[in-house]
Amino acid sequence: MSDLAARYDMSFAAVQKHVAMLERACLIQKRANGREQLVSTNYARLQRAGEVLECFESIWRQRMAQLDDVLLPKGK
């Protein structure tokens, strides 16, 4: 995982925390290869997460538009 951490401007501990969160969400899998931990992406799960987030984005965009209608009435 140190190779992964070297790619980002954050501490190794911070990268470990991010990887642990992604693993708990089943967005990645880790497997041991000797002393190394190899990380791979669960593309199906990541795609599903993207779909769910798109749905929430749509809901919040609609709510913000409704709020704009209340706060910024047209024609005044």
PDB file of N, CA and C in Angstrom:
ATOM      1  N   MET A   1       0.822  -1.184   0.000  1.00  0.00           N
ATOM      2  CA  MET A   1       0.000   0.000   0.000  1.00  0.00           C
ATOM      3  C   MET A   1       0.871   1.255   0.000  1.00  0.00           C
ATOM      4  N   SER A   2       2.154   1.113   0.324  1.00  0.00           N
ATOM      5  CA  SER A   2       3.033   2.279   0.327  1.00  0.00           C
ATOM      6  C   SER A   2       3.201   2.843  -1.078  1.00  0.00           C
ATOM      7  N   ASP A   3       3.161   1.987  -2.113  1.00  0.00           N
ATOM      8  CA  ASP A   3       3.209   2.480  -3.494  1.00  0.00           C
ATOM      9  C   ASP A   3       1.984   3.331  -3.794  1.00  0.00           C
ATOM     10  N   LEU A   4       0.849   2.895  -3.305  1.00  0.00           N
ATOM     11  CA  LEU A   4      -0.388   3.658  -3.485  1.00  0.00           C
ATOM     12  C   LEU A   4      -0.299   4.990  -2.760  1.00  0.00           C
ATOM     13  N   ALA A   5       0.182   4.987  -1.536  1.00  0.00           N
ATOM     14  CA  ALA A   5       0.288   6.210  -0.733  1.00  0.00           C
ATOM     15  C   ALA A   5       1.242   7.215  -1.375  1.00  0.00           C
ATOM     16  N   ALA A   6       2.284   6.732  -2.028  1.00  0.00           N
ATOM     17  CA  ALA A   6       3.271   7.622  -2.648  1.00  0.00           C
ATOM     18  C   ALA A   6       2.659   8.459  -3.774  1.00  0.00           C
ATOM     19  N   ARG A   7       1.549   8.023  -4.324  1.00  0.00           N
ATOM     20  CA  ARG A   7       0.905   8.740  -5.437  1.00  0.00           C
ATOM     21  C   ARG A   7       0.090   9.943  -4.985  1.00  0.00           C
ATOM     22  N   TYR A   8      -0.131  10.078  -3.694  1.00  0.00           N
ATOM     23  CA  TYR A   8      -1.015  11.121  -3.182  1.00  0.00           C
ATOM     24  C   TYR A   8      -0.288  12.011  -2.190  1.00  0.00           C
ATOM     25  N   ASP A   9      -0.732  13.249  -2.130  1.00  0.00           N
ATOM     26  CA  ASP A   9      -0.147  14.222  -1.222  1.00  0.00           C
ATOM     27  C   ASP A   9      -0.850  14.137   0.133  1.00  0.00           C
ATOM     28  N   MET A  10      -0.695  12.973   0.768  1.00  0.00           N
ATOM     29  CA  MET A  10      -1.250  12.759   2.102  1.00  0.00           C
ATOM     30  C   MET A  10      -0.409  11.702   2.787  1.00  0.00           C
ATOM     31  N   SER A  11      -0.569  11.614   4.074  1.00  0.00           N
ATOM     32  CA  SER A  11       0.240  10.658   4.840  1.00  0.00           C
ATOM     33  C   SER A  11      -0.182   9.213   4.536  1.00  0.00           C
ATOM     34  N   PHE A  12       0.709   8.303   4.843  1.00  0.00           N
ATOM     35  CA  PHE A  12       0.410   6.879   4.685  1.00  0.00           C
ATOM     36  C   PHE A  12      -0.803   6.502   5.525  1.00  0.00           C
ATOM     37  N   ALA A  13      -0.872   7.034   6.760  1.00  0.00           N
ATOM     38  CA  ALA A  13      -2.008   6.730   7.644  1.00  0.00           C
ATOM     39  C   ALA A  13      -3.323   7.211   7.039  1.00  0.00           C
ATOM     40  N   ALA A  14      -3.308   8.379   6.409  1.00  0.00           N
ATOM     41  CA  ALA A  14      -4.529   8.900   5.779  1.00  0.00           C
ATOM     42  C   ALA A  14      -4.958   8.002   4.617  1.00  0.00           C
ATOM     43  N   VAL A  15      -3.996   7.551   3.824  1.00  0.00           N
ATOM     44  CA  VAL A  15      -4.312   6.646   2.711  1.00  0.00           C
ATOM     45  C   VAL A  15      -4.877   5.337   3.261  1.00  0.00           C
ATOM     46  N   GLN A  16      -4.300   4.822   4.346  1.00  0.00           N
ATOM     47  CA  GLN A  16      -4.810   3.596   4.963  1.00  0.00           C
ATOM     48  C   GLN A  16      -6.272   3.768   5.383  1.00  0.00           C
ATOM     49  N   LYS A  17      -6.594   4.915   5.961  1.00  0.00           N
ATOM     50  CA  LYS A  17      -7.971   5.166   6.390  1.00  0.00           C
ATOM     51  C   LYS A  17      -8.920   5.206   5.196  1.00  0.00           C
ATOM     52  N   HIS A  18      -8.501   5.858   4.111  1.00  0.00           N
ATOM     53  CA  HIS A  18      -9.336   5.907   2.913  1.00  0.00           C
ATOM     54  C   HIS A  18      -9.545   4.505   2.338  1.00  0.00           C
ATOM     55  N   VAL A  19      -8.480   3.746   2.272  1.00  0.00           N
ATOM     56  CA  VAL A  19      -8.565   2.381   1.733  1.00  0.00           C
ATOM     57  C   VAL A  19      -9.476   1.525   2.612  1.00  0.00           C
ATOM     58  N   ALA A  20      -9.362   1.676   3.928  1.00  0.00           N
ATOM     59  CA  ALA A  20     -10.217   0.909   4.842  1.00  0.00           C
ATOM     60  C   ALA A  20     -11.689   1.250   4.625  1.00  0.00           C
ATOM     61  N   MET A  21     -11.990   2.523   4.422  1.00  0.00           N
ATOM     62  CA  MET A  21     -13.372   2.935   4.181  1.00  0.00           C
ATOM     63  C   MET A  21     -13.892   2.363   2.858  1.00  0.00           C
ATOM     64  N   LEU A  22     -13.073   2.419   1.830  1.00  0.00           N
ATOM     65  CA  LEU A  22     -13.469   1.847   0.539  1.00  0.00           C
ATOM     66  C   LEU A  22     -13.676   0.339   0.640  1.00  0.00           C
ATOM     67  N   GLU A  23     -12.846  -0.314   1.444  1.00  0.00           N
ATOM     68  CA  GLU A  23     -12.980  -1.756   1.637  1.00  0.00           C
ATOM     69  C   GLU A  23     -14.267  -2.086   2.396  1.00  0.00           C
ATOM     70  N   ARG A  24     -14.581  -1.314   3.430  1.00  0.00           N
ATOM     71  CA  ARG A  24     -15.831  -1.550   4.183  1.00  0.00           C
ATOM     72  C   ARG A  24     -17.053  -1.337   3.298  1.00  0.00           C
ATOM     73  N   ALA A  25     -16.942  -0.437   2.339  1.00  0.00           N
ATOM     74  CA  ALA A  25     -18.055  -0.181   1.416  1.00  0.00           C
ATOM     75  C   ALA A  25     -18.078  -1.203   0.272  1.00  0.00           C
ATOM     76  N   CYS A  26     -17.147  -2.150   0.292  1.00  0.00           N
ATOM     77  CA  CYS A  26     -17.021  -3.190  -0.747  1.00  0.00           C
ATOM     78  C   CYS A  26     -16.749  -2.597  -2.129  1.00  0.00           C
ATOM     79  N   LEU A  27     -16.097  -1.433  -2.172  1.00  0.00           N
ATOM     80  CA  LEU A  27     -15.734  -0.812  -3.448  1.00  0.00           C
ATOM     81  C   LEU A  27     -14.371  -1.286  -3.923  1.00  0.00           C
ATOM     82  N   ILE A  28     -13.581  -1.827  -2.998  1.00  0.00           N
ATOM     83  CA  ILE A  28     -12.287  -2.421  -3.336  1.00  0.00           C
ATOM     84  C   ILE A  28     -12.119  -3.713  -2.554  1.00  0.00           C
ATOM     85  N   GLN A  29     -11.161  -4.515  -2.997  1.00  0.00           N
ATOM     86  CA  GLN A  29     -10.769  -5.704  -2.253  1.00  0.00           C
ATOM     87  C   GLN A  29      -9.261  -5.651  -2.073  1.00  0.00           C
ATOM     88  N   LYS A  30      -8.801  -6.117  -0.927  1.00  0.00           N
ATOM     89  CA  LYS A  30      -7.369  -6.246  -0.679  1.00  0.00           C
ATOM     90  C   LYS A  30      -7.043  -7.729  -0.592  1.00  0.00           C
ATOM     91  N   ARG A  31      -5.857  -8.077  -1.083  1.00  0.00           N
ATOM     92  CA  ARG A  31      -5.392  -9.450  -0.920  1.00  0.00           C
ATOM     93  C   ARG A  31      -3.890  -9.420  -0.692  1.00  0.00           C
ATOM     94  N   ALA A  32      -3.454 -10.347   0.108  1.00  0.00           N
ATOM     95  CA  ALA A  32      -2.033 -10.425   0.439  1.00  0.00           C
ATOM     96  C   ALA A  32      -1.264 -11.088  -0.693  1.00  0.00           C
ATOM     97  N   ASN A  33      -0.099 -10.536  -0.962  1.00  0.00           N
ATOM     98  CA  ASN A  33       0.835 -11.122  -1.917  1.00  0.00           C
ATOM     99  C   ASN A  33       2.213 -11.033  -1.256  1.00  0.00           C
ATOM    100  N   GLY A  34       2.523 -12.035  -0.439  1.00  0.00           N
ATOM    101  CA  GLY A  34       3.741 -11.959   0.373  1.00  0.00           C
ATOM    102  C   GLY A  34       3.562 -10.889   1.434  1.00  0.00           C
ATOM    103  N   ARG A  35       4.472  -9.934   1.460  1.00  0.00           N
ATOM    104  CA  ARG A  35       4.380  -8.839   2.434  1.00  0.00           C
ATOM    105  C   ARG A  35       3.547  -7.674   1.911  1.00  0.00           C
ATOM    106  N   GLU A  36       3.153  -7.727   0.654  1.00  0.00           N
ATOM    107  CA  GLU A  36       2.387  -6.634   0.052  1.00  0.00           C
ATOM    108  C   GLU A  36       0.888  -6.876   0.173  1.00  0.00           C
ATOM    109  N   GLN A  37       0.151  -5.795   0.201  1.00  0.00           N
ATOM    110  CA  GLN A  37      -1.307  -5.840   0.112  1.00  0.00           C
ATOM    111  C   GLN A  37      -1.681  -5.282  -1.258  1.00  0.00           C
ATOM    112  N   LEU A  38      -2.277  -6.096  -2.101  1.00  0.00           N
ATOM    113  CA  LEU A  38      -2.709  -5.653  -3.423  1.00  0.00           C
ATOM    114  C   LEU A  38      -4.164  -5.200  -3.328  1.00  0.00           C
ATOM    115  N   VAL A  39      -4.456  -4.086  -3.954  1.00  0.00           N
ATOM    116  CA  VAL A  39      -5.791  -3.499  -3.909  1.00  0.00           C
ATOM    117  C   VAL A  39      -6.370  -3.526  -5.310  1.00  0.00           C
ATOM    118  N   SER A  40      -7.600  -4.020  -5.427  1.00  0.00           N
ATOM    119  CA  SER A  40      -8.275  -4.012  -6.725  1.00  0.00           C
ATOM    120  C   SER A  40      -9.680  -3.447  -6.559  1.00  0.00           C
ATOM    121  N   THR A  41     -10.191  -2.905  -7.640  1.00  0.00           N
ATOM    122  CA  THR A  41     -11.494  -2.240  -7.628  1.00  0.00           C
ATOM    123  C   THR A  41     -12.609  -3.238  -7.896  1.00  0.00           C
ATOM    124  N   ASN A  42     -13.711  -3.093  -7.174  1.00  0.00           N
ATOM    125  CA  ASN A  42     -14.932  -3.848  -7.430  1.00  0.00           C
ATOM    126  C   ASN A  42     -15.783  -2.966  -8.346  1.00  0.00           C
ATOM    127  N   TYR A  43     -15.580  -3.108  -9.667  1.00  0.00           N
ATOM    128  CA  TYR A  43     -16.198  -2.203 -10.633  1.00  0.00           C
ATOM    129  C   TYR A  43     -17.724  -2.248 -10.609  1.00  0.00           C
ATOM    130  N   ALA A  44     -18.291  -3.408 -10.428  1.00  0.00           N
ATOM    131  CA  ALA A  44     -19.761  -3.515 -10.401  1.00  0.00           C
ATOM    132  C   ALA A  44     -20.327  -2.729  -9.233  1.00  0.00           C
ATOM    133  N   ARG A  45     -19.694  -2.877  -8.071  1.00  0.00           N
ATOM    134  CA  ARG A  45     -20.164  -2.164  -6.878  1.00  0.00           C
ATOM    135  C   ARG A  45     -19.942  -0.657  -7.026  1.00  0.00           C
ATOM    136  N   LEU A  46     -18.817  -0.267  -7.625  1.00  0.00           N
ATOM    137  CA  LEU A  46     -18.522   1.143  -7.845  1.00  0.00           C
ATOM    138  C   LEU A  46     -19.529   1.768  -8.814  1.00  0.00           C
ATOM    139  N   GLN A  47     -19.882   1.025  -9.852  1.00  0.00           N
ATOM    140  CA  GLN A  47     -20.878   1.510 -10.802  1.00  0.00           C
ATOM    141  C   GLN A  47     -22.230   1.686 -10.113  1.00  0.00           C
ATOM    142  N   ARG A  48     -22.619   0.749  -9.287  1.00  0.00           N
ATOM    143  CA  ARG A  48     -23.893   0.846  -8.558  1.00  0.00           C
ATOM    144  C   ARG A  48     -23.877   2.042  -7.614  1.00  0.00           C
ATOM    145  N   ALA A  49     -22.765   2.270  -6.938  1.00  0.00           N
ATOM    146  CA  ALA A  49     -22.651   3.431  -6.055  1.00  0.00           C
ATOM    147  C   ALA A  49     -22.810   4.713  -6.858  1.00  0.00           C
ATOM    148  N   GLY A  50     -22.237   4.759  -8.046  1.00  0.00           N
ATOM    149  CA  GLY A  50     -22.389   5.929  -8.911  1.00  0.00           C
ATOM    150  C   GLY A  50     -23.839   6.164  -9.307  1.00  0.00           C
ATOM    151  N   GLU A  51     -24.543   5.087  -9.591  1.00  0.00           N
ATOM    152  CA  GLU A  51     -25.961   5.204  -9.951  1.00  0.00           C
ATOM    153  C   GLU A  51     -26.787   5.754  -8.786  1.00  0.00           C
ATOM    154  N   VAL A  52     -26.503   5.271  -7.592  1.00  0.00           N
ATOM    155  CA  VAL A  52     -27.220   5.747  -6.401  1.00  0.00           C
ATOM    156  C   VAL A  52     -26.924   7.223  -6.178  1.00  0.00           C
ATOM    157  N   LEU A  53     -25.655   7.609  -6.314  1.00  0.00           N
ATOM    158  CA  LEU A  53     -25.291   9.013  -6.125  1.00  0.00           C
ATOM    159  C   LEU A  53     -25.936   9.909  -7.174  1.00  0.00           C
ATOM    160  N   GLU A  54     -26.045   9.436  -8.414  1.00  0.00           N
ATOM    161  CA  GLU A  54     -26.726  10.199  -9.456  1.00  0.00           C
ATOM    162  C   GLU A  54     -28.189  10.426  -9.094  1.00  0.00           C
ATOM    163  N   CYS A  55     -28.817   9.416  -8.522  1.00  0.00           N
ATOM    164  CA  CYS A  55     -30.212   9.538  -8.099  1.00  0.00           C
ATOM    165  C   CYS A  55     -30.341  10.618  -7.026  1.00  0.00           C
ATOM    166  N   PHE A  56     -29.462  10.571  -6.035  1.00  0.00           N
ATOM    167  CA  PHE A  56     -29.493  11.586  -4.985  1.00  0.00           C
ATOM    168  C   PHE A  56     -29.197  12.973  -5.542  1.00  0.00           C
ATOM    169  N   GLU A  57     -28.275  13.046  -6.496  1.00  0.00           N
ATOM    170  CA  GLU A  57     -27.969  14.342  -7.107  1.00  0.00           C
ATOM    171  C   GLU A  57     -29.206  14.919  -7.785  1.00  0.00           C
ATOM    172  N   SER A  58     -29.933  14.072  -8.482  1.00  0.00           N
ATOM    173  CA  SER A  58     -31.157  14.507  -9.154  1.00  0.00           C
ATOM    174  C   SER A  58     -32.177  15.030  -8.145  1.00  0.00           C
ATOM    175  N   ILE A  59     -32.347  14.315  -7.054  1.00  0.00           N
ATOM    176  CA  ILE A  59     -33.287  14.740  -6.003  1.00  0.00           C
ATOM    177  C   ILE A  59     -32.880  16.101  -5.448  1.00  0.00           C
ATOM    178  N   TRP A  60     -31.597  16.265  -5.113  1.00  0.00           N
ATOM    179  CA  TRP A  60     -31.151  17.518  -4.513  1.00  0.00           C
ATOM    180  C   TRP A  60     -31.177  18.670  -5.508  1.00  0.00           C
ATOM    181  N   ARG A  61     -30.898  18.420  -6.776  1.00  0.00           N
ATOM    182  CA  ARG A  61     -31.007  19.490  -7.776  1.00  0.00           C
ATOM    183  C   ARG A  61     -32.455  19.973  -7.882  1.00  0.00           C
ATOM    184  N   GLN A  62     -33.396  19.037  -7.849  1.00  0.00           N
ATOM    185  CA  GLN A  62     -34.812  19.397  -7.911  1.00  0.00           C
ATOM    186  C   GLN A  62     -35.206  20.206  -6.668  1.00  0.00           C
ATOM    187  N   ARG A  63     -34.748  19.795  -5.512  1.00  0.00           N
ATOM    188  CA  ARG A  63     -35.061  20.520  -4.278  1.00  0.00           C
ATOM    189  C   ARG A  63     -34.456  21.919  -4.283  1.00  0.00           C
ATOM    190  N   MET A  64     -33.252  22.048  -4.793  1.00  0.00           N
ATOM    191  CA  MET A  64     -32.621  23.372  -4.858  1.00  0.00           C
ATOM    192  C   MET A  64     -33.367  24.278  -5.834  1.00  0.00           C
ATOM    193  N   ALA A  65     -33.849  23.716  -6.931  1.00  0.00           N
ATOM    194  CA  ALA A  65     -34.638  24.501  -7.884  1.00  0.00           C
ATOM    195  C   ALA A  65     -35.929  24.977  -7.232  1.00  0.00           C
ATOM    196  N   GLN A  66     -36.563  24.123  -6.445  1.00  0.00           N
ATOM    197  CA  GLN A  66     -37.776  24.521  -5.738  1.00  0.00           C
ATOM    198  C   GLN A  66     -37.471  25.620  -4.725  1.00  0.00           C
ATOM    199  N   LEU A  67     -36.343  25.510  -4.050  1.00  0.00           N
ATOM    200  CA  LEU A  67     -35.946  26.527  -3.099  1.00  0.00           C
ATOM    201  C   LEU A  67     -35.686  27.853  -3.815  1.00  0.00           C
ATOM    202  N   ASP A  68     -35.056  27.798  -4.980  1.00  0.00           N
ATOM    203  CA  ASP A  68     -34.849  29.007  -5.783  1.00  0.00           C
ATOM    204  C   ASP A  68     -36.182  29.660  -6.126  1.00  0.00           C
ATOM    205  N   ASP A  69     -37.188  28.847  -6.459  1.00  0.00           N
ATOM    206  CA  ASP A  69     -38.505  29.383  -6.799  1.00  0.00           C
ATOM    207  C   ASP A  69     -39.132  30.128  -5.612  1.00  0.00           C
ATOM    208  N   VAL A  70     -38.879  29.640  -4.429  1.00  0.00           N
ATOM    209  CA  VAL A  70     -39.430  30.276  -3.217  1.00  0.00           C
ATOM    210  C   VAL A  70     -38.654  31.544  -2.878  1.00  0.00           C
ATOM    211  N   LEU A  71     -37.335  31.466  -2.939  1.00  0.00           N
ATOM    212  CA  LEU A  71     -36.482  32.582  -2.532  1.00  0.00           C
ATOM    213  C   LEU A  71     -36.349  33.660  -3.594  1.00  0.00           C
ATOM    214  N   LEU A  72     -36.450  33.249  -4.846  1.00  0.00           N
ATOM    215  CA  LEU A  72     -36.269  34.186  -5.964  1.00  0.00           C
ATOM    216  C   LEU A  72     -37.487  34.117  -6.878  1.00  0.00           C
ATOM    217  N   PRO A  73     -38.631  34.666  -6.417  1.00  0.00           N
ATOM    218  CA  PRO A  73     -39.851  34.573  -7.234  1.00  0.00           C
ATOM    219  C   PRO A  73     -39.660  35.265  -8.584  1.00  0.00           C
ATOM    220  N   LYS A  74     -40.184  34.634  -9.606  1.00  0.00           N
ATOM    221  CA  LYS A  74     -40.069  35.165 -10.975  1.00  0.00           C
ATOM    222  C   LYS A  74     -41.044  36.329 -11.146  1.00  0.00           C
ATOM    223  N   GLY A  75     -40.621  37.301 -11.942  1.00  0.00           N
ATOM    224  CA  GLY A  75     -41.509  38.431 -12.253  1.00  0.00           C
ATOM    225  C   GLY A  75     -41.466  39.541 -11.247  1.00  0.00           C
ATOM    226  N   LYS A  76     -40.616  39.488 -10.272  1.00  0.00           N
ATOM    227  CA  LYS A  76     -40.541  40.589  -9.289  1.00  0.00           C
ATOM    228  C   LYS A  76     -39.211  41.265  -9.352  1.00  0.00           C
TER     229      LYS A  76
END
